[in-house]
Amino acid sequence: MTTVLIIITVVPLLILAYVRFAPVNIDVVHQDPVTAVASGKPNEYRMTSPVFDMITPELTKMFDDFVLSQPRVKRIAGTVDDQMITYVQRTKIISYPDYITVKVVPVGTKQSRLEIFSRSRFGYSDLGVNKRRIDDWLLQLGR
């Protein structure tokens, strides 16, 4: 009986610890959002934003500042100068990681758009969280 209680208690804690502290393979998650291979699972969302009336460096900086102001978000790869950045945003309670890669693409000489690929690392379904996140971010940015 004691062994069963220990297993019932310890195994979930080990799983949660793995979810929280598992290393990230940057080469896997920091890929061009247009050409990155999708898993086919419903826990990812890829989209092209409407056009912004900003040149690429300005849009990259503005978007990076905005994303980093969101709760539980960290930049894990890329820079504003690269114009392609990958972020991780963790869920509030269990700390599941979602990866969001954004590439800023020029449209002509004075406009730009965002290519975004948002996906969950673990599980099969995210109940629409990745799509809602990106749609909400763009709504807050007036798009």
Protein backbone atom coordinates (compact mmCIF):
# COMPACT_ATOMS: atom_id res chain seq x y z
CA MET A 1 0.00 0.00 0.00
CA THR A 2 2.80 2.43 0.87
CA THR A 3 4.55 1.70 -2.43
CA VAL A 4 1.37 2.47 -4.39
CA LEU A 5 0.94 5.79 -2.56
CA ILE A 6 4.53 6.72 -3.25
CA ILE A 7 4.10 5.91 -6.95
CA ILE A 8 0.83 7.83 -7.16
CA THR A 9 2.52 10.84 -5.56
CA VAL A 10 5.99 10.76 -7.10
CA VAL A 11 5.23 9.90 -10.73
CA PRO A 12 2.99 12.95 -11.38
CA LEU A 13 5.58 15.18 -9.71
CA LEU A 14 8.32 13.78 -11.94
CA ILE A 15 6.17 14.36 -15.02
CA LEU A 16 5.49 17.96 -13.98
CA ALA A 17 9.19 18.51 -13.30
CA TYR A 18 10.05 17.18 -16.75
CA VAL A 19 7.48 19.45 -18.43
CA ARG A 20 8.90 22.45 -16.57
CA PHE A 21 12.62 21.74 -16.87
CA ALA A 22 13.03 19.72 -20.10
CA PRO A 23 15.77 21.23 -22.27
CA VAL A 24 14.80 23.06 -25.45
CA ASN A 25 16.41 22.11 -28.76
CA ILE A 26 16.71 25.57 -30.30
CA ASP A 27 17.49 24.10 -33.74
CA VAL A 28 14.10 22.37 -33.69
CA VAL A 29 11.96 25.27 -32.49
CA HIS A 30 13.73 28.25 -34.12
CA GLN A 31 12.81 27.64 -37.75
CA ASP A 32 11.30 29.85 -40.41
CA PRO A 33 7.58 29.95 -39.62
CA VAL A 34 6.71 29.68 -43.31
CA THR A 35 8.74 26.56 -44.05
CA ALA A 36 8.85 24.82 -40.64
CA VAL A 37 7.34 21.36 -40.85
CA ALA A 38 4.01 21.14 -39.06
CA SER A 39 3.23 18.16 -36.84
CA GLY A 40 -0.32 17.84 -38.12
CA LYS A 41 -1.64 18.04 -34.55
CA PRO A 42 -4.34 20.57 -33.64
CA ASN A 43 -2.05 22.20 -31.04
CA GLU A 44 -0.34 24.52 -33.52
CA TYR A 45 -1.33 27.60 -35.48
CA ARG A 46 0.35 29.26 -38.44
CA MET A 47 -0.69 32.56 -39.96
CA THR A 48 0.32 35.61 -41.98
CA SER A 49 -0.64 38.94 -40.45
CA PRO A 50 -2.22 41.84 -42.28
CA VAL A 51 0.27 44.41 -43.55
CA PHE A 52 1.65 47.00 -41.12
CA ASP A 53 2.63 50.48 -42.30
CA MET A 54 6.09 50.09 -40.77
CA ILE A 55 9.46 49.15 -42.18
CA THR A 56 10.76 45.76 -41.12
CA PRO A 57 13.19 46.86 -38.33
CA GLU A 58 10.52 49.05 -36.72
CA LEU A 59 7.86 46.33 -36.79
CA THR A 60 10.32 43.78 -35.42
CA LYS A 61 11.23 46.03 -32.48
CA MET A 62 7.63 46.99 -31.76
CA PHE A 63 6.43 43.37 -31.89
CA ASP A 64 9.33 42.13 -29.75
CA ASP A 65 8.65 44.78 -27.08
CA PHE A 66 4.95 43.90 -27.12
CA VAL A 67 5.48 40.14 -26.86
CA LEU A 68 8.01 40.47 -24.04
CA SER A 69 5.44 42.50 -22.09
CA GLN A 70 3.03 39.54 -22.13
CA PRO A 71 2.81 37.29 -19.07
CA ARG A 72 5.24 34.36 -18.78
CA VAL A 73 7.00 35.07 -22.11
CA LYS A 74 10.75 34.81 -22.74
CA ARG A 75 12.78 35.22 -25.93
CA ILE A 76 14.72 31.99 -26.47
CA ALA A 77 16.25 32.50 -29.93
CA GLY A 78 16.86 35.21 -32.48
CA THR A 79 17.17 38.95 -32.10
CA VAL A 80 15.48 42.07 -33.37
CA ASP A 81 18.35 42.44 -35.85
CA ASP A 82 17.70 38.90 -37.16
CA GLN A 83 14.05 39.83 -37.80
CA MET A 84 13.14 36.29 -36.74
CA ILE A 85 12.57 35.53 -33.07
CA THR A 86 11.31 32.53 -31.13
CA TYR A 87 9.59 32.99 -27.78
CA VAL A 88 8.32 30.59 -25.16
CA GLN A 89 5.15 31.33 -23.23
CA ARG A 90 4.31 29.00 -20.36
CA THR A 91 0.88 28.19 -19.04
CA LYS A 92 -0.02 29.74 -15.72
CA ILE A 93 -0.49 26.69 -13.53
CA ILE A 94 1.41 23.69 -14.92
CA SER A 95 3.93 25.72 -16.93
CA TYR A 96 3.49 23.87 -20.24
CA PRO A 97 5.65 25.57 -22.89
CA ASP A 98 4.26 26.96 -26.14
CA TYR A 99 6.75 28.15 -28.75
CA ILE A 100 6.00 31.14 -30.95
CA THR A 101 8.29 31.91 -33.87
CA VAL A 102 7.82 35.21 -35.67
CA LYS A 103 9.50 36.38 -38.85
CA VAL A 104 9.04 39.94 -40.05
CA VAL A 105 8.87 40.19 -43.83
CA PRO A 106 9.08 43.38 -45.90
CA VAL A 107 6.18 44.25 -48.19
CA GLY A 108 7.57 46.77 -50.62
CA THR A 109 9.81 49.44 -49.12
CA LYS A 110 7.64 50.94 -46.37
CA GLN A 111 5.47 48.12 -45.10
CA SER A 112 5.92 44.74 -43.39
CA ARG A 113 3.96 41.73 -42.24
CA LEU A 114 4.43 38.99 -39.66
CA GLU A 115 4.73 35.28 -40.38
CA ILE A 116 3.85 33.45 -37.15
CA PHE A 117 4.01 29.81 -36.12
CA SER A 118 2.73 29.06 -32.60
CA ARG A 119 2.74 25.53 -31.22
CA SER A 120 2.60 23.50 -28.05
CA ARG A 121 5.52 21.30 -27.14
CA PHE A 122 3.54 18.66 -25.29
CA GLY A 123 0.20 17.02 -25.89
CA TYR A 124 -2.12 16.72 -28.82
CA SER A 125 -4.76 19.42 -28.47
CA ASP A 126 -4.37 22.84 -26.94
CA LEU A 127 -8.11 23.65 -27.08
CA GLY A 128 -7.35 26.54 -29.45
CA VAL A 129 -4.92 28.35 -27.15
CA ASN A 130 -2.26 29.01 -29.82
CA LYS A 131 -4.78 30.49 -32.27
CA ARG A 132 -6.45 32.60 -29.57
CA ARG A 133 -3.06 33.91 -28.38
CA ILE A 134 -1.99 35.09 -31.82
CA ASP A 135 -5.42 36.49 -32.71
CA ASP A 136 -5.47 38.36 -29.38
CA TRP A 137 -1.96 39.75 -29.86
CA LEU A 138 -2.81 41.03 -33.32
CA LEU A 139 -6.07 42.51 -32.06
CA GLN A 140 -4.15 44.37 -29.34
CA LEU A 141 -1.80 45.66 -32.04
CA GLY A 142 -4.75 46.94 -34.07
CA ARG A 143 -4.71 44.20 -36.68
